[in-house]
Amino acid sequence: MSFWFAVVYALLGCAGVMVLVRMWIGPSMLDRAVSLDTLLSIAVAAIGTLAAQRQTPFFLPILLVVAFLGFTGSVSIARFISVQDSRRPPAKGGQREPAPDRGAVGEAGEVEDQW
């Protein structure tokens, strides 16, 4: 049985290295955000594999915390990217087209349509 755990750890390690390479050379901020989310998912899988290998539920609360932090971080980064994208200056010689199905947050917190 330990052979299969070694195989799983090796595959998770290879996946982690590939994600780190993608994070390093990612041309955009969105690529880096997606690779960070994927890296946290790989960490959750590794912790789950460790819990299965040791046959203990001790690691399950840690899994929940890491998964929650990964989700919260992904939502925060997506929100940050969308706010930065809406403040981007228009291209030369014309106005910028608004993105479809995207609203801007007004001063009172309500979502205003950009059309």
PDB file of N, CA and C in Angstrom:
ATOM      1  N   MET A   1       0.817  -1.200   0.000  1.00  0.00           N
ATOM      2  CA  MET A   1       0.000   0.000   0.000  1.00  0.00           C
ATOM      3  C   MET A   1       0.862   1.267   0.000  1.00  0.00           C
ATOM      4  N   SER A   2       2.038   1.213   0.611  1.00  0.00           N
ATOM      5  CA  SER A   2       2.875   2.407   0.661  1.00  0.00           C
ATOM      6  C   SER A   2       3.422   2.769  -0.719  1.00  0.00           C
ATOM      7  N   PHE A   3       3.494   1.767  -1.634  1.00  0.00           N
ATOM      8  CA  PHE A   3       3.925   2.062  -2.992  1.00  0.00           C
ATOM      9  C   PHE A   3       2.967   3.045  -3.643  1.00  0.00           C
ATOM     10  N   TRP A   4       1.675   2.857  -3.460  1.00  0.00           N
ATOM     11  CA  TRP A   4       0.684   3.729  -4.092  1.00  0.00           C
ATOM     12  C   TRP A   4       0.710   5.125  -3.481  1.00  0.00           C
ATOM     13  N   PHE A   5       0.977   5.207  -2.189  1.00  0.00           N
ATOM     14  CA  PHE A   5       1.123   6.535  -1.585  1.00  0.00           C
ATOM     15  C   PHE A   5       2.352   7.251  -2.140  1.00  0.00           C
ATOM     16  N   ALA A   6       3.429   6.504  -2.367  1.00  0.00           N
ATOM     17  CA  ALA A   6       4.624   7.109  -2.964  1.00  0.00           C
ATOM     18  C   ALA A   6       4.327   7.592  -4.380  1.00  0.00           C
ATOM     19  N   VAL A   7       3.539   6.837  -5.132  1.00  0.00           N
ATOM     20  CA  VAL A   7       3.160   7.251  -6.481  1.00  0.00           C
ATOM     21  C   VAL A   7       2.329   8.530  -6.427  1.00  0.00           C
ATOM     22  N   VAL A   8       1.380   8.577  -5.507  1.00  0.00           N
ATOM     23  CA  VAL A   8       0.523   9.762  -5.377  1.00  0.00           C
ATOM     24  C   VAL A   8       1.342  10.979  -4.971  1.00  0.00           C
ATOM     25  N   TYR A   9       2.259  10.803  -4.015  1.00  0.00           N
ATOM     26  CA  TYR A   9       3.107  11.929  -3.607  1.00  0.00           C
ATOM     27  C   TYR A   9       4.001  12.397  -4.754  1.00  0.00           C
ATOM     28  N   ALA A  10       4.509  11.457  -5.551  1.00  0.00           N
ATOM     29  CA  ALA A  10       5.343  11.838  -6.694  1.00  0.00           C
ATOM     30  C   ALA A  10       4.531  12.619  -7.729  1.00  0.00           C
ATOM     31  N   LEU A  11       3.316  12.168  -8.005  1.00  0.00           N
ATOM     32  CA  LEU A  11       2.463  12.880  -8.960  1.00  0.00           C
ATOM     33  C   LEU A  11       2.082  14.270  -8.443  1.00  0.00           C
ATOM     34  N   LEU A  12       1.778  14.364  -7.152  1.00  0.00           N
ATOM     35  CA  LEU A  12       1.459  15.673  -6.573  1.00  0.00           C
ATOM     36  C   LEU A  12       2.675  16.590  -6.603  1.00  0.00           C
ATOM     37  N   GLY A  13       3.857  16.037  -6.368  1.00  0.00           N
ATOM     38  CA  GLY A  13       5.077  16.839  -6.440  1.00  0.00           C
ATOM     39  C   GLY A  13       5.339  17.340  -7.852  1.00  0.00           C
ATOM     40  N   CYS A  14       5.149  16.470  -8.835  1.00  0.00           N
ATOM     41  CA  CYS A  14       5.323  16.895 -10.245  1.00  0.00           C
ATOM     42  C   CYS A  14       4.311  17.971 -10.615  1.00  0.00           C
ATOM     43  N   ALA A  15       3.076  17.786 -10.178  1.00  0.00           N
ATOM     44  CA  ALA A  15       2.049  18.796 -10.457  1.00  0.00           C
ATOM     45  C   ALA A  15       2.403  20.119  -9.783  1.00  0.00           C
ATOM     46  N   GLY A  16       2.904  20.053  -8.543  1.00  0.00           N
ATOM     47  CA  GLY A  16       3.303  21.270  -7.847  1.00  0.00           C
ATOM     48  C   GLY A  16       4.438  21.997  -8.549  1.00  0.00           C
ATOM     49  N   VAL A  17       5.406  21.255  -9.068  1.00  0.00           N
ATOM     50  CA  VAL A  17       6.521  21.880  -9.791  1.00  0.00           C
ATOM     51  C   VAL A  17       6.017  22.548 -11.067  1.00  0.00           C
ATOM     52  N   MET A  18       5.118  21.862 -11.792  1.00  0.00           N
ATOM     53  CA  MET A  18       4.584  22.460 -13.024  1.00  0.00           C
ATOM     54  C   MET A  18       3.777  23.720 -12.733  1.00  0.00           C
ATOM     55  N   VAL A  19       3.030  23.707 -11.636  1.00  0.00           N
ATOM     56  CA  VAL A  19       2.247  24.890 -11.279  1.00  0.00           C
ATOM     57  C   VAL A  19       3.172  26.031 -10.863  1.00  0.00           C
ATOM     58  N   LEU A  20       4.243  25.729 -10.139  1.00  0.00           N
ATOM     59  CA  LEU A  20       5.194  26.776  -9.766  1.00  0.00           C
ATOM     60  C   LEU A  20       5.882  27.375 -10.988  1.00  0.00           C
ATOM     61  N   VAL A  21       6.184  26.543 -11.969  1.00  0.00           N
ATOM     62  CA  VAL A  21       6.772  27.061 -13.209  1.00  0.00           C
ATOM     63  C   VAL A  21       5.770  27.980 -13.903  1.00  0.00           C
ATOM     64  N   ARG A  22       4.502  27.557 -13.935  1.00  0.00           N
ATOM     65  CA  ARG A  22       3.476  28.397 -14.562  1.00  0.00           C
ATOM     66  C   ARG A  22       3.311  29.712 -13.792  1.00  0.00           C
ATOM     67  N   MET A  23       3.423  29.645 -12.481  1.00  0.00           N
ATOM     68  CA  MET A  23       3.310  30.867 -11.685  1.00  0.00           C
ATOM     69  C   MET A  23       4.500  31.790 -11.964  1.00  0.00           C
ATOM     70  N   TRP A  24       5.672  31.214 -12.159  1.00  0.00           N
ATOM     71  CA  TRP A  24       6.876  32.007 -12.395  1.00  0.00           C
ATOM     72  C   TRP A  24       6.849  32.687 -13.756  1.00  0.00           C
ATOM     73  N   ILE A  25       6.441  31.970 -14.813  1.00  0.00           N
ATOM     74  CA  ILE A  25       6.504  32.535 -16.160  1.00  0.00           C
ATOM     75  C   ILE A  25       5.161  33.042 -16.650  1.00  0.00           C
ATOM     76  N   GLY A  26       4.134  32.980 -15.823  1.00  0.00           N
ATOM     77  CA  GLY A  26       2.811  33.418 -16.255  1.00  0.00           C
ATOM     78  C   GLY A  26       2.830  34.843 -16.763  1.00  0.00           C
ATOM     79  N   PRO A  27       2.357  35.070 -17.993  1.00  0.00           N
ATOM     80  CA  PRO A  27       2.451  36.421 -18.539  1.00  0.00           C
ATOM     81  C   PRO A  27       1.472  37.407 -17.904  1.00  0.00           C
ATOM     82  N   SER A  28       0.400  36.923 -17.332  1.00  0.00           N
ATOM     83  CA  SER A  28      -0.579  37.861 -16.773  1.00  0.00           C
ATOM     84  C   SER A  28      -0.829  37.558 -15.304  1.00  0.00           C
ATOM     85  N   MET A  29      -1.476  38.488 -14.665  1.00  0.00           N
ATOM     86  CA  MET A  29      -1.820  38.327 -13.262  1.00  0.00           C
ATOM     87  C   MET A  29      -2.860  37.220 -13.086  1.00  0.00           C
ATOM     88  N   LEU A  30      -3.730  37.073 -14.068  1.00  0.00           N
ATOM     89  CA  LEU A  30      -4.749  36.029 -13.997  1.00  0.00           C
ATOM     90  C   LEU A  30      -4.117  34.638 -14.031  1.00  0.00           C
ATOM     91  N   ASP A  31      -3.075  34.450 -14.834  1.00  0.00           N
ATOM     92  CA  ASP A  31      -2.366  33.166 -14.861  1.00  0.00           C
ATOM     93  C   ASP A  31      -1.762  32.850 -13.498  1.00  0.00           C
ATOM     94  N   ARG A  32      -1.198  33.844 -12.876  1.00  0.00           N
ATOM     95  CA  ARG A  32      -0.601  33.630 -11.554  1.00  0.00           C
ATOM     96  C   ARG A  32      -1.667  33.341 -10.495  1.00  0.00           C
ATOM     97  N   ALA A  33      -2.822  33.979 -10.606  1.00  0.00           N
ATOM     98  CA  ALA A  33      -3.904  33.733  -9.649  1.00  0.00           C
ATOM     99  C   ALA A  33      -4.452  32.318  -9.792  1.00  0.00           C
ATOM    100  N   VAL A  34      -4.620  31.874 -11.019  1.00  0.00           N
ATOM    101  CA  VAL A  34      -5.113  30.514 -11.253  1.00  0.00           C
ATOM    102  C   VAL A  34      -4.088  29.490 -10.780  1.00  0.00           C
ATOM    103  N   SER A  35      -2.810  29.748 -11.009  1.00  0.00           N
ATOM    104  CA  SER A  35      -1.796  28.796 -10.562  1.00  0.00           C
ATOM    105  C   SER A  35      -1.693  28.767  -9.035  1.00  0.00           C
ATOM    106  N   LEU A  36      -1.908  29.890  -8.380  1.00  0.00           N
ATOM    107  CA  LEU A  36      -1.919  29.893  -6.910  1.00  0.00           C
ATOM    108  C   LEU A  36      -3.091  29.079  -6.377  1.00  0.00           C
ATOM    109  N   ASP A  37      -4.252  29.214  -6.996  1.00  0.00           N
ATOM    110  CA  ASP A  37      -5.414  28.433  -6.590  1.00  0.00           C
ATOM    111  C   ASP A  37      -5.167  26.947  -6.826  1.00  0.00           C
ATOM    112  N   THR A  38      -4.550  26.610  -7.937  1.00  0.00           N
ATOM    113  CA  THR A  38      -4.232  25.214  -8.232  1.00  0.00           C
ATOM    114  C   THR A  38      -3.208  24.669  -7.244  1.00  0.00           C
ATOM    115  N   LEU A  39      -2.246  25.485  -6.859  1.00  0.00           N
ATOM    116  CA  LEU A  39      -1.236  25.056  -5.893  1.00  0.00           C
ATOM    117  C   LEU A  39      -1.878  24.762  -4.536  1.00  0.00           C
ATOM    118  N   LEU A  40      -2.831  25.569  -4.142  1.00  0.00           N
ATOM    119  CA  LEU A  40      -3.532  25.297  -2.885  1.00  0.00           C
ATOM    120  C   LEU A  40      -4.371  24.031  -2.989  1.00  0.00           C
ATOM    121  N   SER A  41      -4.944  23.764  -4.147  1.00  0.00           N
ATOM    122  CA  SER A  41      -5.688  22.521  -4.335  1.00  0.00           C
ATOM    123  C   SER A  41      -4.769  21.309  -4.250  1.00  0.00           C
ATOM    124  N   ILE A  42      -3.569  21.437  -4.790  1.00  0.00           N
ATOM    125  CA  ILE A  42      -2.584  20.358  -4.689  1.00  0.00           C
ATOM    126  C   ILE A  42      -2.182  20.153  -3.232  1.00  0.00           C
ATOM    127  N   ALA A  43      -2.042  21.242  -2.484  1.00  0.00           N
ATOM    128  CA  ALA A  43      -1.714  21.129  -1.061  1.00  0.00           C
ATOM    129  C   ALA A  43      -2.835  20.420  -0.298  1.00  0.00           C
ATOM    130  N   VAL A  44      -4.081  20.726  -0.628  1.00  0.00           N
ATOM    131  CA  VAL A  44      -5.215  20.053   0.015  1.00  0.00           C
ATOM    132  C   VAL A  44      -5.185  18.561  -0.308  1.00  0.00           C
ATOM    133  N   ALA A  45      -4.883  18.226  -1.569  1.00  0.00           N
ATOM    134  CA  ALA A  45      -4.802  16.816  -1.952  1.00  0.00           C
ATOM    135  C   ALA A  45      -3.654  16.108  -1.215  1.00  0.00           C
ATOM    136  N   ALA A  46      -2.537  16.793  -1.042  1.00  0.00           N
ATOM    137  CA  ALA A  46      -1.407  16.192  -0.331  1.00  0.00           C
ATOM    138  C   ALA A  46      -1.741  15.972   1.145  1.00  0.00           C
ATOM    139  N   ILE A  47      -2.404  16.929   1.763  1.00  0.00           N
ATOM    140  CA  ILE A  47      -2.790  16.772   3.166  1.00  0.00           C
ATOM    141  C   ILE A  47      -3.816  15.650   3.306  1.00  0.00           C
ATOM    142  N   GLY A  48      -4.743  15.551   2.348  1.00  0.00           N
ATOM    143  CA  GLY A  48      -5.727  14.462   2.370  1.00  0.00           C
ATOM    144  C   GLY A  48      -5.065  13.106   2.192  1.00  0.00           C
ATOM    145  N   THR A  49      -4.069  13.039   1.344  1.00  0.00           N
ATOM    146  CA  THR A  49      -3.329  11.792   1.160  1.00  0.00           C
ATOM    147  C   THR A  49      -2.567  11.424   2.429  1.00  0.00           C
ATOM    148  N   LEU A  50      -1.990  12.412   3.084  1.00  0.00           N
ATOM    149  CA  LEU A  50      -1.293  12.156   4.346  1.00  0.00           C
ATOM    150  C   LEU A  50      -2.258  11.652   5.410  1.00  0.00           C
ATOM    151  N   ALA A  51      -3.453  12.230   5.454  1.00  0.00           N
ATOM    152  CA  ALA A  51      -4.458  11.769   6.421  1.00  0.00           C
ATOM    153  C   ALA A  51      -4.884  10.336   6.126  1.00  0.00           C
ATOM    154  N   ALA A  52      -5.004   9.990   4.839  1.00  0.00           N
ATOM    155  CA  ALA A  52      -5.369   8.621   4.483  1.00  0.00           C
ATOM    156  C   ALA A  52      -4.234   7.650   4.786  1.00  0.00           C
ATOM    157  N   GLN A  53      -3.004   8.078   4.567  1.00  0.00           N
ATOM    158  CA  GLN A  53      -1.864   7.208   4.818  1.00  0.00           C
ATOM    159  C   GLN A  53      -1.711   6.901   6.302  1.00  0.00           C
ATOM    160  N   ARG A  54      -1.866   7.905   7.120  1.00  0.00           N
ATOM    161  CA  ARG A  54      -1.717   7.715   8.571  1.00  0.00           C
ATOM    162  C   ARG A  54      -2.999   7.244   9.245  1.00  0.00           C
ATOM    163  N   GLN A  55      -4.084   7.213   8.507  1.00  0.00           N
ATOM    164  CA  GLN A  55      -5.394   6.756   8.997  1.00  0.00           C
ATOM    165  C   GLN A  55      -5.804   7.488  10.276  1.00  0.00           C
ATOM    166  N   THR A  56      -5.720   8.818  10.207  1.00  0.00           N
ATOM    167  CA  THR A  56      -6.106   9.641  11.340  1.00  0.00           C
ATOM    168  C   THR A  56      -6.934  10.828  10.857  1.00  0.00           C
ATOM    169  N   PRO A  57      -7.968  11.210  11.601  1.00  0.00           N
ATOM    170  CA  PRO A  57      -8.760  12.383  11.210  1.00  0.00           C
ATOM    171  C   PRO A  57      -8.170  13.698  11.706  1.00  0.00           C
ATOM    172  N   PHE A  58      -6.953  13.661  12.233  1.00  0.00           N
ATOM    173  CA  PHE A  58      -6.324  14.858  12.789  1.00  0.00           C
ATOM    174  C   PHE A  58      -6.162  15.958  11.742  1.00  0.00           C
ATOM    175  N   PHE A  59      -5.931  15.594  10.483  1.00  0.00           N
ATOM    176  CA  PHE A  59      -5.640  16.559   9.438  1.00  0.00           C
ATOM    177  C   PHE A  59      -6.888  17.151   8.787  1.00  0.00           C
ATOM    178  N   LEU A  60      -8.066  16.650   9.103  1.00  0.00           N
ATOM    179  CA  LEU A  60      -9.280  17.126   8.440  1.00  0.00           C
ATOM    180  C   LEU A  60      -9.610  18.587   8.746  1.00  0.00           C
ATOM    181  N   PRO A  61      -9.477  19.069   9.990  1.00  0.00           N
ATOM    182  CA  PRO A  61      -9.683  20.512  10.200  1.00  0.00           C
ATOM    183  C   PRO A  61      -8.668  21.381   9.443  1.00  0.00           C
ATOM    184  N   ILE A  62      -7.444  20.874   9.319  1.00  0.00           N
ATOM    185  CA  ILE A  62      -6.435  21.612   8.550  1.00  0.00           C
ATOM    186  C   ILE A  62      -6.854  21.674   7.089  1.00  0.00           C
ATOM    187  N   LEU A  63      -7.410  20.574   6.571  1.00  0.00           N
ATOM    188  CA  LEU A  63      -7.914  20.558   5.198  1.00  0.00           C
ATOM    189  C   LEU A  63      -8.991  21.609   4.994  1.00  0.00           C
ATOM    190  N   LEU A  64      -9.908  21.705   5.939  1.00  0.00           N
ATOM    191  CA  LEU A  64     -10.990  22.679   5.827  1.00  0.00           C
ATOM    192  C   LEU A  64     -10.459  24.107   5.834  1.00  0.00           C
ATOM    193  N   VAL A  65      -9.501  24.392   6.692  1.00  0.00           N
ATOM    194  CA  VAL A  65      -8.952  25.748   6.777  1.00  0.00           C
ATOM    195  C   VAL A  65      -8.205  26.111   5.498  1.00  0.00           C
ATOM    196  N   VAL A  66      -7.385  25.189   4.991  1.00  0.00           N
ATOM    197  CA  VAL A  66      -6.625  25.472   3.768  1.00  0.00           C
ATOM    198  C   VAL A  66      -7.568  25.638   2.573  1.00  0.00           C
ATOM    199  N   ALA A  67      -8.612  24.799   2.491  1.00  0.00           N
ATOM    200  CA  ALA A  67      -9.577  24.924   1.398  1.00  0.00           C
ATOM    201  C   ALA A  67     -10.335  26.246   1.495  1.00  0.00           C
ATOM    202  N   PHE A  68     -10.711  26.661   2.704  1.00  0.00           N
ATOM    203  CA  PHE A  68     -11.407  27.931   2.877  1.00  0.00           C
ATOM    204  C   PHE A  68     -10.504  29.110   2.511  1.00  0.00           C
ATOM    205  N   LEU A  69      -9.253  29.050   2.933  1.00  0.00           N
ATOM    206  CA  LEU A  69      -8.319  30.126   2.577  1.00  0.00           C
ATOM    207  C   LEU A  69      -8.071  30.184   1.072  1.00  0.00           C
ATOM    208  N   GLY A  70      -8.011  29.039   0.427  1.00  0.00           N
ATOM    209  CA  GLY A  70      -7.844  29.016  -1.023  1.00  0.00           C
ATOM    210  C   GLY A  70      -9.026  29.630  -1.740  1.00  0.00           C
ATOM    211  N   PHE A  71     -10.235  29.287  -1.308  1.00  0.00           N
ATOM    212  CA  PHE A  71     -11.433  29.852  -1.923  1.00  0.00           C
ATOM    213  C   PHE A  71     -11.508  31.353  -1.688  1.00  0.00           C
ATOM    214  N   THR A  72     -11.268  31.786  -0.454  1.00  0.00           N
ATOM    215  CA  THR A  72     -11.330  33.206  -0.132  1.00  0.00           C
ATOM    216  C   THR A  72     -10.263  33.991  -0.905  1.00  0.00           C
ATOM    217  N   GLY A  73      -9.079  33.436  -1.001  1.00  0.00           N
ATOM    218  CA  GLY A  73      -8.022  34.103  -1.762  1.00  0.00           C
ATOM    219  C   GLY A  73      -8.358  34.213  -3.239  1.00  0.00           C
ATOM    220  N   SER A  74      -8.943  33.167  -3.802  1.00  0.00           N
ATOM    221  CA  SER A  74      -9.314  33.202  -5.223  1.00  0.00           C
ATOM    222  C   SER A  74     -10.382  34.249  -5.493  1.00  0.00           C
ATOM    223  N   VAL A  75     -11.365  34.320  -4.624  1.00  0.00           N
ATOM    224  CA  VAL A  75     -12.424  35.325  -4.790  1.00  0.00           C
ATOM    225  C   VAL A  75     -11.855  36.728  -4.639  1.00  0.00           C
ATOM    226  N   SER A  76     -10.968  36.927  -3.675  1.00  0.00           N
ATOM    227  CA  SER A  76     -10.365  38.251  -3.470  1.00  0.00           C
ATOM    228  C   SER A  76      -9.513  38.673  -4.662  1.00  0.00           C
ATOM    229  N   ILE A  77      -8.730  37.745  -5.188  1.00  0.00           N
ATOM    230  CA  ILE A  77      -7.893  38.075  -6.339  1.00  0.00           C
ATOM    231  C   ILE A  77      -8.751  38.362  -7.559  1.00  0.00           C
ATOM    232  N   ALA A  78      -9.816  37.579  -7.761  1.00  0.00           N
ATOM    233  CA  ALA A  78     -10.710  37.838  -8.899  1.00  0.00           C
ATOM    234  C   ALA A  78     -11.381  39.201  -8.766  1.00  0.00           C
ATOM    235  N   ARG A  79     -11.764  39.561  -7.564  1.00  0.00           N
ATOM    236  CA  ARG A  79     -12.372  40.870  -7.329  1.00  0.00           C
ATOM    237  C   ARG A  79     -11.356  41.991  -7.609  1.00  0.00           C
ATOM    238  N   PHE A  80     -10.134  41.810  -7.158  1.00  0.00           N
ATOM    239  CA  PHE A  80      -9.086  42.798  -7.379  1.00  0.00           C
ATOM    240  C   PHE A  80      -8.798  42.965  -8.866  1.00  0.00           C
ATOM    241  N   ILE A  81      -8.727  41.854  -9.596  1.00  0.00           N
ATOM    242  CA  ILE A  81      -8.451  41.910 -11.032  1.00  0.00           C
ATOM    243  C   ILE A  81      -9.596  42.598 -11.763  1.00  0.00           C
ATOM    244  N   SER A  82     -10.845  42.315 -11.365  1.00  0.00           N
ATOM    245  CA  SER A  82     -11.978  42.935 -12.053  1.00  0.00           C
ATOM    246  C   SER A  82     -12.038  44.436 -11.795  1.00  0.00           C
ATOM    247  N   VAL A  83     -11.672  44.885 -10.599  1.00  0.00           N
ATOM    248  CA  VAL A  83     -11.656  46.318 -10.308  1.00  0.00           C
ATOM    249  C   VAL A  83     -10.535  46.989 -11.089  1.00  0.00           C
ATOM    250  N   GLN A  84      -9.376  46.353 -11.172  1.00  0.00           N
ATOM    251  CA  GLN A  84      -8.277  46.915 -11.947  1.00  0.00           C
ATOM    252  C   GLN A  84      -8.624  46.964 -13.424  1.00  0.00           C
ATOM    253  N   ASP A  85      -9.339  45.956 -13.921  1.00  0.00           N
ATOM    254  CA  ASP A  85      -9.706  45.913 -15.332  1.00  0.00           C
ATOM    255  C   ASP A  85     -10.698  47.018 -15.673  1.00  0.00           C
ATOM    256  N   SER A  86     -11.599  47.340 -14.755  1.00  0.00           N
ATOM    257  CA  SER A  86     -12.589  48.384 -15.032  1.00  0.00           C
ATOM    258  C   SER A  86     -11.974  49.785 -14.974  1.00  0.00           C
ATOM    259  N   ARG A  87     -10.828  49.945 -14.326  1.00  0.00           N
ATOM    260  CA  ARG A  87     -10.168  51.248 -14.239  1.00  0.00           C
ATOM    261  C   ARG A  87      -9.093  51.441 -15.304  1.00  0.00           C
ATOM    262  N   ARG A  88      -8.944  50.469 -16.200  1.00  0.00           N
ATOM    263  CA  ARG A  88      -7.928  50.551 -17.246  1.00  0.00           C
ATOM    264  C   ARG A  88      -8.252  51.684 -18.205  1.00  0.00           C
ATOM    265  N   PRO A  89      -7.268  52.478 -18.602  1.00  0.00           N
ATOM    266  CA  PRO A  89      -7.537  53.601 -19.509  1.00  0.00           C
ATOM    267  C   PRO A  89      -7.933  53.094 -20.894  1.00  0.00           C
ATOM    268  N   PRO A  90      -8.690  53.890 -21.634  1.00  0.00           N
ATOM    269  CA  PRO A  90      -9.093  53.458 -22.978  1.00  0.00           C
ATOM    270  C   PRO A  90      -7.911  53.402 -23.931  1.00  0.00           C
ATOM    271  N   ALA A  91      -8.095  52.638 -25.001  1.00  0.00           N
ATOM    272  CA  ALA A  91      -7.037  52.501 -26.003  1.00  0.00           C
ATOM    273  C   ALA A  91      -6.899  53.795 -26.790  1.00  0.00           C
ATOM    274  N   LYS A  92      -5.795  53.931 -27.499  1.00  0.00           N
ATOM    275  CA  LYS A  92      -5.560  55.140 -28.287  1.00  0.00           C
ATOM    276  C   LYS A  92      -6.592  55.260 -29.403  1.00  0.00           C
ATOM    277  N   GLY A  93      -7.101  56.454 -29.575  1.00  0.00           N
ATOM    278  CA  GLY A  93      -7.999  56.724 -30.682  1.00  0.00           C
ATOM    279  C   GLY A  93      -9.435  56.290 -30.488  1.00  0.00           C
ATOM    280  N   GLY A  94      -9.836  55.924 -29.319  1.00  0.00           N
ATOM    281  CA  GLY A  94     -11.225  55.521 -29.145  1.00  0.00           C
ATOM    282  C   GLY A  94     -11.547  55.213 -27.701  1.00  0.00           C
ATOM    283  N   GLN A  95     -12.801  54.939 -27.473  1.00  0.00           N
ATOM    284  CA  GLN A  95     -13.226  54.617 -26.124  1.00  0.00           C
ATOM    285  C   GLN A  95     -13.194  53.114 -25.928  1.00  0.00           C
ATOM    286  N   ARG A  96     -13.017  52.742 -24.708  1.00  0.00           N
ATOM    287  CA  ARG A  96     -12.973  51.329 -24.357  1.00  0.00           C
ATOM    288  C   ARG A  96     -14.394  50.795 -24.277  1.00  0.00           C
ATOM    289  N   GLU A  97     -14.600  49.627 -24.855  1.00  0.00           N
ATOM    290  CA  GLU A  97     -15.900  48.973 -24.774  1.00  0.00           C
ATOM    291  C   GLU A  97     -16.040  48.325 -23.397  1.00  0.00           C
ATOM    292  N   PRO A  98     -17.183  48.470 -22.746  1.00  0.00           N
ATOM    293  CA  PRO A  98     -17.354  47.801 -21.457  1.00  0.00           C
ATOM    294  C   PRO A  98     -17.479  46.300 -21.648  1.00  0.00           C
ATOM    295  N   ALA A  99     -17.035  45.573 -20.663  1.00  0.00           N
ATOM    296  CA  ALA A  99     -17.126  44.112 -20.724  1.00  0.00           C
ATOM    297  C   ALA A  99     -18.579  43.691 -20.577  1.00  0.00           C
ATOM    298  N   PRO A 100     -19.027  42.664 -21.261  1.00  0.00           N
ATOM    299  CA  PRO A 100     -20.415  42.228 -21.153  1.00  0.00           C
ATOM    300  C   PRO A 100     -20.700  41.611 -19.786  1.00  0.00           C
ATOM    301  N   ASP A 101     -21.897  41.858 -19.294  1.00  0.00           N
ATOM    302  CA  ASP A 101     -22.384  41.294 -18.032  1.00  0.00           C
ATOM    303  C   ASP A 101     -21.503  41.653 -16.841  1.00  0.00           C
ATOM    304  N   ARG A 102     -20.908  42.819 -16.865  1.00  0.00           N
ATOM    305  CA  ARG A 102     -20.090  43.242 -15.734  1.00  0.00           C
ATOM    306  C   ARG A 102     -20.573  44.611 -15.287  1.00  0.00           C
ATOM    307  N   GLY A 103     -20.765  44.782 -13.996  1.00  0.00           N
ATOM    308  CA  GLY A 103     -21.198  46.067 -13.469  1.00  0.00           C
ATOM    309  C   GLY A 103     -20.117  46.696 -12.637  1.00  0.00           C
ATOM    310  N   ALA A 104     -20.263  47.977 -12.369  1.00  0.00           N
ATOM    311  CA  ALA A 104     -19.323  48.689 -11.514  1.00  0.00           C
ATOM    312  C   ALA A 104     -20.009  48.975 -10.188  1.00  0.00           C
ATOM    313  N   VAL A 105     -19.263  48.953  -9.126  1.00  0.00           N
ATOM    314  CA  VAL A 105     -19.819  49.203  -7.808  1.00  0.00           C
ATOM    315  C   VAL A 105     -19.857  50.706  -7.571  1.00  0.00           C
ATOM    316  N   GLY A 106     -21.039  51.222  -7.214  1.00  0.00           N
ATOM    317  CA  GLY A 106     -21.200  52.648  -6.965  1.00  0.00           C
ATOM    318  C   GLY A 106     -20.719  53.037  -5.581  1.00  0.00           C
ATOM    319  N   GLU A 107     -20.923  54.289  -5.229  1.00  0.00           N
ATOM    320  CA  GLU A 107     -20.447  54.785  -3.939  1.00  0.00           C
ATOM    321  C   GLU A 107     -21.187  54.153  -2.775  1.00  0.00           C
ATOM    322  N   ALA A 108     -22.482  53.876  -2.956  1.00  0.00           N
ATOM    323  CA  ALA A 108     -23.263  53.307  -1.861  1.00  0.00           C
ATOM    324  C   ALA A 108     -23.138  51.793  -1.802  1.00  0.00           C
ATOM    325  N   GLY A 109     -22.388  51.177  -2.724  1.00  0.00           N
ATOM    326  CA  GLY A 109     -22.208  49.755  -2.706  1.00  0.00           C
ATOM    327  C   GLY A 109     -23.100  49.012  -3.676  1.00  0.00           C
ATOM    328  N   GLU A 110     -24.048  49.701  -4.336  1.00  0.00           N
ATOM    329  CA  GLU A 110     -24.901  49.026  -5.285  1.00  0.00           C
ATOM    330  C   GLU A 110     -24.190  48.890  -6.629  1.00  0.00           C
ATOM    331  N   VAL A 111     -24.604  47.900  -7.374  1.00  0.00           N
ATOM    332  CA  VAL A 111     -23.975  47.631  -8.651  1.00  0.00           C
ATOM    333  C   VAL A 111     -24.678  48.460  -9.724  1.00  0.00           C
ATOM    334  N   GLU A 112     -23.890  49.241 -10.463  1.00  0.00           N
ATOM    335  CA  GLU A 112     -24.430  50.067 -11.532  1.00  0.00           C
ATOM    336  C   GLU A 112     -24.051  49.455 -12.870  1.00  0.00           C
ATOM    337  N   ASP A 113     -24.937  49.544 -13.813  1.00  0.00           N
ATOM    338  CA  ASP A 113     -24.668  49.003 -15.130  1.00  0.00           C
ATOM    339  C   ASP A 113     -23.746  49.943 -15.892  1.00  0.00           C
ATOM    340  N   GLN A 114     -22.747  49.394 -16.598  1.00  0.00           N
ATOM    341  CA  GLN A 114     -21.795  50.226 -17.339  1.00  0.00           C
ATOM    342  C   GLN A 114     -22.262  50.527 -18.742  1.00  0.00           C
ATOM    343  N   TRP A 115     -23.361  49.989 -19.185  1.00  0.00           N
ATOM    344  CA  TRP A 115     -23.807  50.204 -20.562  1.00  0.00           C
ATOM    345  C   TRP A 115     -24.311  51.573 -20.670  1.00  0.00           C
TER     346      TRP A 115
END
